[in-house]
Each structure stands twice: as structure tokens, then as C-alpha cells.
N, C-alpha and C. Protein backbone atom coordinates (compact mmCIF):
# COMPACT_ATOMS: atom_id res chain seq x y z
N MET A 1 153.97 130.49 59.17
CA MET A 1 152.46 130.78 58.53
C MET A 1 151.76 131.23 59.34
N THR A 2 150.73 131.75 59.10
CA THR A 2 149.94 132.36 59.97
C THR A 2 148.13 131.67 59.63
N ILE A 3 147.66 131.38 60.92
CA ILE A 3 146.16 130.62 60.70
C ILE A 3 145.16 131.68 61.11
N SER A 4 144.53 131.88 59.82
CA SER A 4 143.55 132.64 59.84
C SER A 4 142.15 132.16 60.42
N ASP A 5 141.17 132.51 61.28
CA ASP A 5 140.38 132.36 61.92
C ASP A 5 138.86 132.30 61.28
N VAL A 6 139.12 133.86 60.68
CA VAL A 6 138.00 134.71 60.14
C VAL A 6 138.87 135.61 58.81
N ALA A 7 138.09 135.35 57.69
CA ALA A 7 138.23 136.54 56.72
C ALA A 7 137.28 137.48 56.66
N ALA A 8 137.46 138.64 57.53
CA ALA A 8 136.28 139.44 57.94
C ALA A 8 136.15 140.20 56.68
N PRO A 9 134.62 140.76 56.48
CA PRO A 9 134.34 141.25 55.67
C PRO A 9 135.00 142.87 55.42
N ALA A 10 135.20 143.19 54.02
CA ALA A 10 135.33 144.63 53.87
C ALA A 10 135.00 145.62 54.62
N ALA A 11 135.40 146.70 54.56
CA ALA A 11 134.66 147.61 54.86
C ALA A 11 133.76 148.45 53.80
N PRO A 12 132.49 149.03 54.23
CA PRO A 12 131.64 149.46 53.12
C PRO A 12 132.13 150.48 52.29
N VAL A 13 131.61 150.66 51.26
CA VAL A 13 132.29 151.61 50.42
C VAL A 13 132.12 152.96 51.09
N SER A 14 130.70 153.21 51.34
CA SER A 14 130.44 154.55 52.06
C SER A 14 131.45 154.75 53.10
N ASP A 15 131.78 153.82 53.91
CA ASP A 15 132.98 154.11 54.95
C ASP A 15 134.26 154.55 54.51
N VAL A 16 134.64 153.88 53.02
CA VAL A 16 135.96 154.31 52.83
C VAL A 16 135.83 155.77 51.78
N ALA A 17 134.51 156.05 51.50
CA ALA A 17 134.40 157.43 50.87
C ALA A 17 134.54 158.64 51.95
N ALA A 18 133.92 158.08 53.07
CA ALA A 18 133.80 159.06 54.00
C ALA A 18 135.04 159.50 54.41
N ARG A 19 136.11 158.68 54.49
CA ARG A 19 137.32 159.06 55.00
C ARG A 19 138.48 160.04 53.61
N ARG A 20 137.69 159.65 52.46
CA ARG A 20 138.47 160.55 51.53
C ARG A 20 137.72 161.84 51.47
N ARG A 21 136.73 162.44 52.03
CA ARG A 21 136.33 163.48 52.17
C ARG A 21 137.27 164.60 52.64
N PRO A 22 137.39 165.85 52.09
CA PRO A 22 138.35 166.77 52.45
C PRO A 22 137.89 166.97 54.10
N GLY A 23 138.86 166.94 54.94
CA GLY A 23 138.71 167.29 56.35
C GLY A 23 138.06 165.94 57.23
N ALA A 24 137.96 164.85 56.38
CA ALA A 24 137.71 163.48 57.22
C ALA A 24 138.74 163.07 57.54
N ASP A 25 138.78 162.27 58.74
CA ASP A 25 139.76 161.71 59.36
C ASP A 25 140.28 160.56 58.24
N ARG A 26 141.42 160.87 58.29
CA ARG A 26 142.40 159.50 56.96
C ARG A 26 143.13 158.75 57.55
N SER A 27 142.93 158.50 59.26
CA SER A 27 144.06 157.72 60.07
C SER A 27 142.94 156.83 60.98
N PRO A 28 141.82 156.01 60.45
CA PRO A 28 141.12 155.13 61.71
C PRO A 28 141.87 154.65 62.56
N ALA A 29 141.61 154.58 63.71
CA ALA A 29 142.20 153.79 64.72
C ALA A 29 142.54 152.41 64.50
N ARG A 30 143.80 152.35 64.96
CA ARG A 30 144.08 150.56 64.31
C ARG A 30 144.09 149.87 65.56
N VAL A 31 143.34 148.47 65.57
CA VAL A 31 143.14 147.73 66.64
C VAL A 31 143.69 146.44 66.78
N SER A 32 144.97 146.31 68.00
CA SER A 32 146.10 145.13 67.63
C SER A 32 144.57 143.62 67.76
N SER A 33 145.14 142.50 67.37
CA SER A 33 144.54 141.44 67.35
C SER A 33 145.68 140.24 67.72
N ILE A 34 144.87 139.20 68.07
CA ILE A 34 145.93 138.18 68.92
C ILE A 34 145.75 137.15 67.25
N ARG A 35 146.97 137.02 67.13
CA ARG A 35 147.38 136.03 66.02
C ARG A 35 147.55 134.47 66.15
N HIS A 36 147.49 133.54 65.41
CA HIS A 36 148.02 132.13 65.73
C HIS A 36 149.21 132.22 64.52
N TYR A 37 150.31 131.97 64.73
CA TYR A 37 151.32 131.51 64.09
C TYR A 37 151.99 129.97 64.21
N VAL A 38 152.52 129.65 63.14
CA VAL A 38 153.18 128.35 63.01
C VAL A 38 154.46 128.50 62.69
N MET A 39 155.56 127.96 63.36
CA MET A 39 156.99 128.00 63.04
C MET A 39 157.73 126.86 63.09
N THR A 40 158.69 127.23 62.37
CA THR A 40 159.66 125.77 62.37
C THR A 40 161.05 126.26 62.52
N PRO A 41 161.52 125.52 63.94
CA PRO A 41 162.81 125.83 64.07
C PRO A 41 164.16 125.82 63.28
N PRO A 42 165.21 126.75 62.78
CA PRO A 42 166.01 126.61 62.05
C PRO A 42 167.11 125.56 61.93
N THR A 43 166.55 124.62 62.48
CA THR A 43 167.69 123.54 63.04
C THR A 43 168.83 123.01 61.83
N TYR A 44 168.21 122.93 60.86
CA TYR A 44 168.77 122.56 59.81
C TYR A 44 169.03 123.62 58.77
N PHE A 45 168.82 124.68 59.18
CA PHE A 45 169.13 125.63 57.97
C PHE A 45 170.64 125.90 57.44
N ALA A 46 170.64 125.69 56.22
CA ALA A 46 171.62 125.90 55.63
C ALA A 46 171.53 126.28 54.10
N VAL A 47 172.55 126.45 53.51
CA VAL A 47 172.53 127.04 51.77
C VAL A 47 172.95 125.76 51.34
N GLU A 48 172.42 124.67 51.12
CA GLU A 48 172.86 123.61 50.48
C GLU A 48 172.69 123.42 48.78
N TYR A 49 171.83 124.26 48.20
CA TYR A 49 171.46 124.30 46.77
C TYR A 49 171.56 125.93 46.46
N ALA A 50 171.21 126.49 45.48
CA ALA A 50 170.82 127.70 44.83
C ALA A 50 169.84 127.58 43.96
N ILE A 51 168.36 128.06 44.19
CA ILE A 51 167.42 128.10 43.52
C ILE A 51 166.79 129.41 43.04
N ASN A 52 167.86 130.32 43.33
CA ASN A 52 167.66 131.83 43.20
C ASN A 52 169.14 132.38 43.07
N PRO A 53 169.03 133.80 42.51
CA PRO A 53 170.20 134.65 42.31
C PRO A 53 170.94 134.76 43.72
N TRP A 54 170.24 134.83 44.79
CA TRP A 54 170.70 135.38 46.49
C TRP A 54 171.09 134.05 47.02
N MET A 55 171.09 132.94 46.62
CA MET A 55 171.53 131.65 47.33
C MET A 55 173.01 131.24 46.77
N ASP A 56 173.80 131.60 47.81
CA ASP A 56 175.10 131.12 47.53
C ASP A 56 175.62 130.02 48.12
N THR A 57 176.07 129.06 47.83
CA THR A 57 176.43 127.80 48.27
C THR A 57 177.77 127.71 49.15
N SER A 58 178.74 128.96 48.73
CA SER A 58 180.19 128.78 49.11
C SER A 58 179.94 129.95 50.33
N THR A 59 178.77 130.12 50.75
CA THR A 59 178.90 131.16 51.97
C THR A 59 178.35 130.30 53.25
N SER A 60 179.11 130.47 54.34
CA SER A 60 178.84 130.19 55.55
C SER A 60 177.50 130.35 56.12
N VAL A 61 177.00 129.69 56.93
CA VAL A 61 175.92 130.00 57.76
C VAL A 61 176.28 129.86 59.64
N ASP A 62 175.90 131.09 60.21
CA ASP A 62 176.07 131.34 61.43
C ASP A 62 174.91 130.65 62.20
N THR A 63 174.87 129.35 62.63
CA THR A 63 174.00 128.31 62.94
C THR A 63 173.38 129.10 64.41
N HIS A 64 174.49 129.38 65.20
CA HIS A 64 174.07 129.57 66.48
C HIS A 64 173.63 131.40 66.44
N ALA A 65 173.88 132.23 65.61
CA ALA A 65 173.22 133.28 65.52
C ALA A 65 171.80 132.90 65.09
N VAL A 66 171.50 132.14 64.04
CA VAL A 66 170.26 131.94 63.17
C VAL A 66 169.31 131.38 64.62
N LEU A 67 169.61 130.41 65.05
CA LEU A 67 169.04 129.99 66.31
C LEU A 67 168.40 130.91 67.49
N ASN A 68 169.51 131.82 67.68
CA ASN A 68 169.09 133.08 68.48
C ASN A 68 168.04 133.75 68.20
N GLN A 69 168.02 134.48 66.87
CA GLN A 69 167.37 135.14 66.06
C GLN A 69 166.11 134.48 65.95
N TRP A 70 166.04 133.62 65.56
CA TRP A 70 164.61 132.72 65.46
C TRP A 70 163.90 132.39 66.96
N GLU A 71 164.47 132.23 67.82
CA GLU A 71 164.12 132.06 69.61
C GLU A 71 163.47 133.55 69.86
N THR A 72 164.49 134.44 69.62
CA THR A 72 164.03 136.08 69.90
C THR A 72 162.55 136.34 69.02
N LEU A 73 162.54 135.92 67.94
CA LEU A 73 161.08 136.41 66.98
C LEU A 73 160.14 135.38 67.94
N ARG A 74 160.38 134.17 67.96
CA ARG A 74 159.46 133.60 68.63
C ARG A 74 159.06 133.80 70.22
N GLN A 75 160.27 134.24 71.08
CA GLN A 75 159.46 134.79 72.32
C GLN A 75 158.37 136.31 72.18
N THR A 76 159.11 137.04 71.22
CA THR A 76 158.54 138.18 70.96
C THR A 76 157.06 137.99 70.57
N TYR A 77 156.74 137.22 69.84
CA TYR A 77 155.26 136.66 69.47
C TYR A 77 154.65 136.47 70.82
N LYS A 78 155.02 135.53 71.49
CA LYS A 78 154.65 135.28 72.69
C LYS A 78 154.17 136.11 73.60
N GLU A 79 155.26 136.98 73.68
CA GLU A 79 155.16 138.05 74.73
C GLU A 79 153.90 139.05 74.73
N LEU A 80 153.96 139.14 73.06
CA LEU A 80 152.60 140.14 72.58
C LEU A 80 151.38 139.67 72.47
N GLY A 81 151.22 138.51 73.18
CA GLY A 81 149.99 137.33 73.12
C GLY A 81 149.56 136.63 72.23
N HIS A 82 150.46 136.39 71.39
CA HIS A 82 150.12 135.60 70.01
C HIS A 82 150.39 134.06 70.39
N THR A 83 149.66 133.09 69.75
CA THR A 83 149.74 132.14 69.64
C THR A 83 150.78 131.51 68.89
N VAL A 84 151.80 130.67 69.42
CA VAL A 84 152.70 130.32 68.62
C VAL A 84 152.87 128.46 68.51
N GLU A 85 152.72 128.19 67.42
CA GLU A 85 152.85 126.35 67.60
C GLU A 85 154.09 126.22 66.64
N LEU A 86 154.52 125.18 67.18
CA LEU A 86 156.03 124.59 66.18
C LEU A 86 155.67 123.15 65.29
N ILE A 87 156.34 123.34 64.29
CA ILE A 87 156.42 122.20 63.28
C ILE A 87 157.64 121.70 63.43
N GLU A 88 157.92 120.20 63.85
CA GLU A 88 159.05 119.69 63.94
C GLU A 88 159.80 119.73 62.71
N PRO A 89 161.34 120.34 62.76
CA PRO A 89 161.91 120.49 61.38
C PRO A 89 162.37 119.13 60.79
N VAL A 90 162.46 118.86 59.54
CA VAL A 90 163.16 117.53 58.87
C VAL A 90 164.71 118.01 58.33
N ALA A 91 165.62 116.77 58.56
CA ALA A 91 166.80 116.71 58.30
C ALA A 91 166.82 116.87 56.63
N GLY A 92 167.43 117.70 56.04
CA GLY A 92 167.53 117.54 54.89
C GLY A 92 166.74 118.68 53.67
N LEU A 93 166.02 119.09 54.88
CA LEU A 93 165.14 120.36 54.18
C LEU A 93 165.26 121.47 54.93
N PRO A 94 166.48 122.21 54.40
CA PRO A 94 167.04 123.20 55.23
C PRO A 94 166.00 124.70 55.08
N ASP A 95 165.23 124.48 53.76
CA ASP A 95 164.12 125.92 54.30
C ASP A 95 163.01 125.96 54.95
N MET A 96 162.74 124.37 55.50
CA MET A 96 161.66 124.46 55.99
C MET A 96 161.30 125.53 57.45
N VAL A 97 162.65 126.25 57.65
CA VAL A 97 162.41 127.57 58.72
C VAL A 97 161.27 128.64 58.01
N TYR A 98 161.17 128.64 56.60
CA TYR A 98 160.27 129.45 56.14
C TYR A 98 158.84 128.96 55.79
N ALA A 99 158.56 129.04 57.35
CA ALA A 99 157.11 128.27 57.38
C ALA A 99 155.82 129.13 56.59
N ALA A 100 155.94 129.76 56.07
CA ALA A 100 155.04 130.85 55.87
C ALA A 100 154.79 130.31 54.27
N ASN A 101 155.89 129.74 53.63
CA ASN A 101 155.56 128.83 52.22
C ASN A 101 154.94 127.68 52.51
N GLY A 102 154.82 127.26 53.33
CA GLY A 102 154.15 125.80 53.65
C GLY A 102 152.94 125.48 53.22
N GLY A 103 151.78 126.50 53.13
CA GLY A 103 150.51 126.93 52.69
C GLY A 103 149.54 127.83 53.18
N LEU A 104 148.49 127.45 53.53
CA LEU A 104 148.00 128.51 53.67
C LEU A 104 146.65 128.16 54.78
N LEU A 105 146.33 128.58 55.78
CA LEU A 105 145.22 127.97 56.43
C LEU A 105 144.19 129.30 56.69
N VAL A 106 142.57 129.12 56.23
CA VAL A 106 141.75 130.03 56.56
C VAL A 106 140.47 129.44 57.25
N ASN A 107 140.08 129.93 58.07
CA ASN A 107 138.51 129.39 58.40
C ASN A 107 138.69 127.79 58.56
N GLY A 108 139.86 127.29 59.24
CA GLY A 108 139.24 125.82 59.32
C GLY A 108 140.04 124.94 57.95
N LYS A 109 140.42 125.75 56.95
CA LYS A 109 140.42 125.15 55.72
C LYS A 109 141.83 125.20 55.50
N ALA A 110 142.60 124.35 54.44
CA ALA A 110 144.27 124.20 54.58
C ALA A 110 144.52 123.93 53.19
N VAL A 111 145.05 124.74 52.52
CA VAL A 111 145.81 124.55 51.37
C VAL A 111 147.34 124.30 51.32
N VAL A 112 147.80 123.02 50.93
CA VAL A 112 149.31 122.79 51.23
C VAL A 112 150.13 123.40 50.10
N ALA A 113 151.15 123.65 50.00
CA ALA A 113 152.21 124.38 48.77
C ALA A 113 152.66 123.15 48.11
N ARG A 114 152.67 123.73 46.85
CA ARG A 114 153.24 122.76 45.68
C ARG A 114 154.43 123.63 44.93
N PHE A 115 155.77 123.42 45.70
CA PHE A 115 156.78 124.19 45.20
C PHE A 115 157.18 123.68 43.77
N ALA A 116 157.98 124.72 43.29
CA ALA A 116 158.23 124.87 41.79
C ALA A 116 159.44 124.08 41.68
N TYR A 117 160.25 123.95 42.89
CA TYR A 117 161.20 123.12 42.56
C TYR A 117 161.48 122.15 43.70
N PRO A 118 162.31 121.05 42.80
CA PRO A 118 162.29 119.76 43.93
C PRO A 118 163.11 119.50 45.03
N GLN A 119 163.88 120.72 44.74
CA GLN A 119 164.68 120.57 46.31
C GLN A 119 163.72 121.00 47.46
N ARG A 120 162.61 121.55 47.28
CA ARG A 120 161.60 122.24 48.41
C ARG A 120 160.33 121.17 48.29
N ALA A 121 160.37 120.29 47.61
CA ALA A 121 159.27 119.15 47.55
C ALA A 121 158.71 118.49 48.69
N GLY A 122 160.08 118.17 49.57
CA GLY A 122 159.68 117.51 50.65
C GLY A 122 158.97 118.07 51.47
N GLU A 123 158.88 119.55 51.84
CA GLU A 123 158.53 120.49 52.65
C GLU A 123 156.84 120.40 52.66
N SER A 124 156.60 119.94 51.22
CA SER A 124 154.88 120.02 51.19
C SER A 124 154.48 118.80 51.91
N ALA A 125 155.19 117.62 51.89
CA ALA A 125 154.77 116.39 52.57
C ALA A 125 154.79 116.97 54.19
N ALA A 126 155.80 117.28 54.34
CA ALA A 126 155.91 117.68 56.18
C ALA A 126 154.97 118.47 56.47
N TYR A 127 154.54 119.69 55.86
CA TYR A 127 153.51 120.61 56.24
C TYR A 127 152.01 119.83 56.05
N ALA A 128 151.78 119.35 55.08
CA ALA A 128 150.60 118.16 54.94
C ALA A 128 150.48 117.51 56.22
N GLU A 129 151.47 116.91 56.54
CA GLU A 129 151.35 115.91 57.85
C GLU A 129 150.80 116.39 58.90
N TRP A 130 151.19 117.41 59.06
CA TRP A 130 151.16 118.61 60.31
C TRP A 130 149.74 119.18 60.14
N MET A 131 149.35 119.56 59.02
CA MET A 131 147.90 119.95 58.93
C MET A 131 146.78 118.76 59.34
N THR A 132 147.40 117.84 58.58
CA THR A 132 146.20 116.58 59.03
C THR A 132 146.42 116.15 60.31
N ARG A 133 147.36 116.08 61.22
CA ARG A 133 147.32 115.85 62.83
C ARG A 133 146.94 116.70 63.53
N HIS A 134 146.53 118.09 62.97
CA HIS A 134 145.67 119.09 63.86
C HIS A 134 144.44 119.23 63.19
N GLY A 135 143.84 118.19 62.16
CA GLY A 135 142.54 118.18 62.08
C GLY A 135 142.23 118.94 60.81
N TYR A 136 142.93 119.51 59.91
CA TYR A 136 142.86 120.02 58.61
C TYR A 136 142.73 119.02 57.67
N ARG A 137 141.95 119.36 56.47
CA ARG A 137 142.39 118.37 55.55
C ARG A 137 143.32 119.03 54.22
N ALA A 138 144.27 118.72 54.14
CA ALA A 138 145.11 119.42 53.48
C ALA A 138 144.91 119.21 52.14
N VAL A 139 144.34 120.19 51.26
CA VAL A 139 144.21 120.17 49.93
C VAL A 139 145.29 120.31 48.86
N GLU A 140 145.83 119.90 48.21
CA GLU A 140 146.79 120.16 47.11
C GLU A 140 146.14 120.55 45.63
N THR A 141 147.08 121.68 45.22
CA THR A 141 146.86 122.29 44.02
C THR A 141 147.50 121.41 42.83
N ARG A 142 146.83 121.32 41.63
CA ARG A 142 147.60 120.69 40.58
C ARG A 142 148.77 121.95 39.94
N HIS A 143 148.65 123.15 40.23
CA HIS A 143 149.68 123.82 39.65
C HIS A 143 150.48 124.37 40.89
N VAL A 144 151.41 125.08 40.66
CA VAL A 144 152.55 125.64 41.59
C VAL A 144 151.98 126.77 42.50
N ASN A 145 151.90 126.54 43.47
CA ASN A 145 151.38 127.56 44.49
C ASN A 145 152.82 127.42 45.91
N GLU A 146 152.88 128.44 46.13
CA GLU A 146 153.99 128.73 47.42
C GLU A 146 153.45 129.13 48.72
N GLY A 147 152.55 128.80 48.89
CA GLY A 147 151.81 129.29 50.42
C GLY A 147 151.69 130.65 50.31
N GLN A 148 151.51 131.23 51.59
CA GLN A 148 151.89 132.57 52.01
C GLN A 148 153.05 133.64 51.42
N GLY A 149 153.77 132.71 50.92
CA GLY A 149 154.91 133.60 50.01
C GLY A 149 154.36 134.24 48.88
N ASP A 150 153.18 134.01 48.38
CA ASP A 150 152.14 134.71 47.67
C ASP A 150 150.82 134.58 47.76
N LEU A 151 150.34 134.70 49.23
CA LEU A 151 149.09 134.72 49.56
C LEU A 151 148.94 135.43 50.77
N LEU A 152 147.82 136.32 50.59
CA LEU A 152 147.59 137.13 51.78
C LEU A 152 146.30 137.42 52.04
N VAL A 153 145.68 136.96 52.96
CA VAL A 153 144.20 137.04 53.78
C VAL A 153 143.95 138.73 53.63
N VAL A 154 143.25 139.48 52.96
CA VAL A 154 142.82 140.55 53.28
C VAL A 154 141.47 140.83 53.52
N GLY A 155 140.76 141.17 54.45
CA GLY A 155 139.29 141.23 54.68
C GLY A 155 138.96 139.78 53.89
N SER A 156 137.43 140.13 52.97
CA SER A 156 137.16 138.95 52.71
C SER A 156 137.77 138.19 51.33
N ILE A 157 138.66 138.72 51.35
CA ILE A 157 139.56 137.99 49.74
C ILE A 157 140.78 137.86 49.95
N ILE A 158 141.39 137.13 48.91
CA ILE A 158 142.77 136.86 49.59
C ILE A 158 143.88 137.12 48.15
N LEU A 159 144.36 138.10 48.51
CA LEU A 159 145.37 138.52 47.86
C LEU A 159 146.73 137.42 47.11
N ALA A 160 146.58 137.35 45.81
CA ALA A 160 147.48 136.06 45.21
C ALA A 160 148.20 136.46 44.25
N GLY A 161 149.50 136.49 44.67
CA GLY A 161 150.67 136.74 43.51
C GLY A 161 150.78 135.85 42.54
N CYS A 162 151.31 136.05 41.59
CA CYS A 162 151.44 134.84 40.41
C CYS A 162 152.58 135.29 39.60
N GLY A 163 153.49 134.53 39.09
CA GLY A 163 154.71 134.67 38.30
C GLY A 163 155.73 133.66 38.32
N PHE A 164 156.86 133.94 39.12
CA PHE A 164 158.05 133.32 39.04
C PHE A 164 157.88 131.93 39.98
N ARG A 165 156.89 132.18 40.82
CA ARG A 165 157.02 131.31 42.10
C ARG A 165 155.82 130.66 42.19
N THR A 166 154.55 131.48 41.55
CA THR A 166 153.20 130.59 42.11
C THR A 166 152.44 130.99 40.39
N GLU A 167 152.03 129.67 40.23
CA GLU A 167 151.11 129.89 38.86
C GLU A 167 149.80 130.51 39.05
N ARG A 168 149.29 131.29 37.99
CA ARG A 168 148.15 131.95 38.16
C ARG A 168 146.82 131.05 38.13
N GLN A 169 147.20 129.72 37.34
CA GLN A 169 145.85 128.72 37.28
C GLN A 169 145.53 128.19 38.92
N ALA A 170 146.64 128.63 39.88
CA ALA A 170 146.47 127.83 41.42
C ALA A 170 145.31 128.78 41.80
N HIS A 171 145.52 129.88 41.46
CA HIS A 171 144.66 130.96 42.29
C HIS A 171 142.92 130.36 41.95
N ASP A 172 142.66 129.83 41.16
CA ASP A 172 141.28 129.47 41.02
C ASP A 172 141.02 128.23 41.98
N GLU A 173 142.03 127.11 41.77
CA GLU A 173 142.20 126.24 42.76
C GLU A 173 141.97 126.58 44.21
N ILE A 174 142.98 127.49 44.32
CA ILE A 174 142.86 128.01 45.70
C ILE A 174 141.56 128.52 46.53
N SER A 175 141.07 129.48 45.45
CA SER A 175 139.66 129.90 45.66
C SER A 175 138.47 129.15 45.96
N ALA A 176 138.43 127.80 44.93
CA ALA A 176 137.65 126.98 45.25
C ALA A 176 137.41 126.26 46.67
N SER A 177 138.79 125.82 46.89
CA SER A 177 139.19 124.95 47.89
C SER A 177 138.77 125.64 49.33
N LEU A 178 139.01 127.17 49.65
CA LEU A 178 139.05 127.80 50.43
C LEU A 178 137.39 128.54 50.57
N SER A 179 136.78 128.58 49.51
CA SER A 179 135.40 129.17 49.30
C SER A 179 135.63 130.63 49.42
N ALA A 180 136.89 131.28 48.98
CA ALA A 180 136.96 132.67 49.20
C ALA A 180 137.49 133.21 47.99
N GLY A 181 137.48 134.44 47.42
CA GLY A 181 137.77 135.24 46.64
C GLY A 181 139.23 135.50 46.39
N ALA A 182 139.95 134.88 45.32
CA ALA A 182 141.42 135.36 45.32
C ALA A 182 141.49 136.42 44.62
N SER A 183 141.95 137.33 44.71
CA SER A 183 142.24 138.63 43.62
C SER A 183 143.84 138.40 43.14
N GLY A 184 143.99 138.35 41.84
CA GLY A 184 145.43 137.97 41.42
C GLY A 184 146.18 139.25 41.36
N ILE A 185 147.70 139.15 41.70
CA ILE A 185 148.26 140.12 41.04
C ILE A 185 149.65 139.68 40.58
N SER A 186 150.02 140.16 39.72
CA SER A 186 150.91 139.70 39.03
C SER A 186 152.29 140.26 39.23
N SER A 187 153.16 139.39 39.54
CA SER A 187 154.73 139.40 40.15
C SER A 187 155.92 139.45 39.16
N ALA A 188 155.32 139.59 37.72
CA ALA A 188 156.30 139.77 36.77
C ALA A 188 157.52 140.70 36.69
N ALA A 189 157.43 141.81 37.35
CA ALA A 189 158.19 142.68 37.85
C ALA A 189 158.99 142.65 39.11
N THR A 190 158.86 141.62 39.44
CA THR A 190 159.44 141.49 40.71
C THR A 190 160.52 140.11 41.02
N ARG A 191 161.55 140.16 41.22
CA ARG A 191 162.48 139.37 41.26
C ARG A 191 162.86 138.63 42.33
N ARG A 192 162.09 138.57 43.64
CA ARG A 192 162.33 137.85 44.98
C ARG A 192 161.80 136.51 44.99
N ALA A 193 162.39 135.75 46.14
CA ALA A 193 161.97 134.60 45.57
C ALA A 193 161.67 133.89 46.97
N ARG A 194 161.26 134.30 48.37
CA ARG A 194 161.20 133.66 49.35
C ARG A 194 160.09 134.21 50.38
N GLY A 195 159.57 133.69 51.66
CA GLY A 195 158.84 134.39 52.22
C GLY A 195 159.45 133.99 53.75
N PRO A 196 158.58 134.47 54.87
CA PRO A 196 159.38 134.76 55.96
C PRO A 196 159.06 133.39 57.07
N ALA A 197 159.73 133.58 58.14
CA ALA A 197 159.77 132.37 58.85
C ALA A 197 158.26 131.95 59.46
N ALA A 198 157.50 133.02 59.62
CA ALA A 198 156.09 132.76 60.45
C ALA A 198 154.83 133.25 59.71
N ALA A 199 155.05 134.06 58.68
CA ALA A 199 154.20 134.64 57.87
C ALA A 199 153.39 135.87 58.48
N PRO A 200 154.00 136.57 59.47
CA PRO A 200 153.02 138.23 59.90
C PRO A 200 153.01 138.99 58.65
N PRO A 201 151.55 139.50 58.86
CA PRO A 201 151.26 140.01 57.51
C PRO A 201 152.15 141.32 56.86
N PRO A 202 152.88 142.03 57.82
CA PRO A 202 153.60 143.35 57.28
C PRO A 202 154.84 143.03 57.00
N ARG A 203 155.31 142.69 55.45
CA ARG A 203 156.55 142.49 55.36
C ARG A 203 156.97 142.69 54.06
N ARG A 204 156.42 142.91 52.94
CA ARG A 204 156.83 143.34 51.84
C ARG A 204 156.93 144.77 51.06
N HIS A 205 158.01 144.88 50.36
CA HIS A 205 158.09 145.83 49.86
C HIS A 205 157.07 146.39 48.89
N GLY A 206 157.54 147.63 48.37
CA GLY A 206 155.99 148.49 47.47
C GLY A 206 156.04 147.82 46.13
N SER A 207 156.17 146.83 45.74
CA SER A 207 156.06 146.55 44.41
C SER A 207 154.38 145.71 44.07
N ALA A 208 154.20 145.57 42.98
CA ALA A 208 152.82 145.17 42.64
C ALA A 208 152.87 143.84 42.98
N HIS A 209 153.63 143.08 43.99
CA HIS A 209 153.68 141.73 44.27
C HIS A 209 153.47 141.55 45.60
N ALA A 210 152.37 141.00 46.07
CA ALA A 210 151.66 140.89 47.49
C ALA A 210 152.36 139.41 47.73
N ARG A 211 153.19 139.29 48.82
CA ARG A 211 153.38 138.41 49.31
C ARG A 211 154.36 137.68 49.04
N GLY A 212 155.10 138.24 47.92
CA GLY A 212 156.02 137.72 46.86
C GLY A 212 157.43 136.87 47.51
N GLY A 213 157.95 136.99 48.48
CA GLY A 213 159.04 136.75 49.23
C GLY A 213 160.28 137.40 49.57
N GLY A 214 161.07 137.47 50.06
CA GLY A 214 162.05 138.16 50.36
C GLY A 214 163.21 137.32 49.88
N ALA A 215 164.36 137.97 49.54
CA ALA A 215 165.64 137.50 49.11
C ALA A 215 166.37 136.60 50.01
N ARG A 216 166.69 135.37 49.56
CA ARG A 216 167.77 134.54 50.53
C ARG A 216 168.58 135.10 50.77
N ARG A 217 169.03 135.29 52.34
CA ARG A 217 170.18 135.43 52.97
C ARG A 217 170.79 134.45 53.86
N SER A 218 171.99 134.07 53.80
CA SER A 218 172.78 133.17 54.24
C SER A 218 173.12 133.47 55.61
N SER A 219 173.14 134.83 55.99
CA SER A 219 173.45 135.31 57.30
C SER A 219 172.46 134.90 58.34
N ALA A 220 172.56 135.06 59.64
CA ALA A 220 171.79 134.96 60.41
C ALA A 220 170.29 135.46 60.58
N ARG A 221 170.28 137.03 59.30
CA ARG A 221 169.05 137.35 59.24
C ARG A 221 167.99 136.67 58.50
N GLY A 222 168.99 135.86 57.59
CA GLY A 222 168.12 134.75 56.55
C GLY A 222 167.04 134.01 57.05
N ALA A 223 167.37 133.45 58.42
CA ALA A 223 166.25 132.61 58.86
C ALA A 223 164.96 133.04 59.37
N THR A 224 165.05 134.47 59.11
CA THR A 224 163.49 134.98 59.37
C THR A 224 162.88 135.47 58.19
N ARG A 225 163.58 135.38 56.97
CA ARG A 225 162.86 136.03 56.01
C ARG A 225 163.40 135.37 54.48
N ARG A 226 162.83 134.42 53.30
CA ARG A 226 163.52 134.73 52.06
C ARG A 226 162.19 135.08 51.10
């Protein structure tokens, strides 16, 4: 999951319009920024149940490869100058490696996930405990939300997906808890069900669903994306 310290204001309309004029520079300079990630090691990663069409409990997991790939990702973030904090994995919660689903942290405020399936409910308690221990007040929603699997901070708003994994009513709860506007995007046409291990912003396909989660994979690649 990504800890966002600031929800930056969106670009003025005049600036956007200027870039669209014929002959105007359409490629504004990109500036890298140091980010703050929270990751959970795939110590207990396995396909122990099936809650979407991509999960096959008869398929084995190459635990050694999974751990190596996860560690490579963590080291890459650190080498690029990012901050990476770790959450201790919990036995019996194999999907905790998909830390992005655990909640949303913005401007010192936290919303913990309320998972749609009981198999993942224990993850909410684990992530809420970590948030509380690190000085956040973990707010729960009455309606289903799967954290950064469906929520993405963009400028001064939060793009919020809804459909089969997050309920539309949760958007209003999240917006009120974080004092930030939530712009809803339907995921009705999308049939994917997970999010990545750390929640780096660029990782979604081109459908109408923002942060909708990738398909569960039982191979080593699965430990970095669902």
C-alpha cells in the first residue's frame, strides 16, 4: 500500500487548455518523487481457497521463487530511494502479500479495508493493528471496500472504483473520513479481482476501472499482483 502524504491540487484548467492548443507542448516534464510503501512478505502465500475464477487450489506455488521476486521488488524500491516499511505476515492469511488491498492512507488519515469475502476478513484486523501502532486512527466503513485495489489518489481527489469488489456507498464514507473528494468509476465491465503487493500507482489496464486489481496468479508472479 502507498502512504500518500499530500493530495496535491490538480493543474489549473488554463494550464491544461494551453497544452491542448495546436503546437503546444503536449509532453510536460515528468518529475520523479520519493514514495512511501508498506509491504507484507509472502511468507504464507498459497492458493488455499478460490474466491475468483483465476484461483485454482489444485495449482502449486513455487514459494522459493515467490519470495525471491518479492525481495527483488522491495530492493528495487529501496535502491530508487523510496521508503519501504514491512508488515508482519499472519499465518492463515495467504493474501496479505497483496498489501494494497489492506486500506488507504492519505494525509495522516487511514481507512481500513472491509473485504467482500470472509476468507480475507482477518487481513483487515492485521492492517488496522499496524495502522494504529504507527499513529493512525484506522476508520472502518460499513460498506465493502478493498483499499487501494479500488482507490487511487490523483491530485486533490480519489479515483474510486466500484462494482464486484467495492460498494458505491463506501465512496461517501471514505470521502468523509479523509476529507477528500471521491470520484466514482464503475467496474461493472471489468472482471478482475486483486491488487499488487505494494500499491505503486501505475499498474492497471485500460478499462474504465481504476485500481480494480489484477487476476490472481498461483505462479511466482502472483506474489506481486492480484
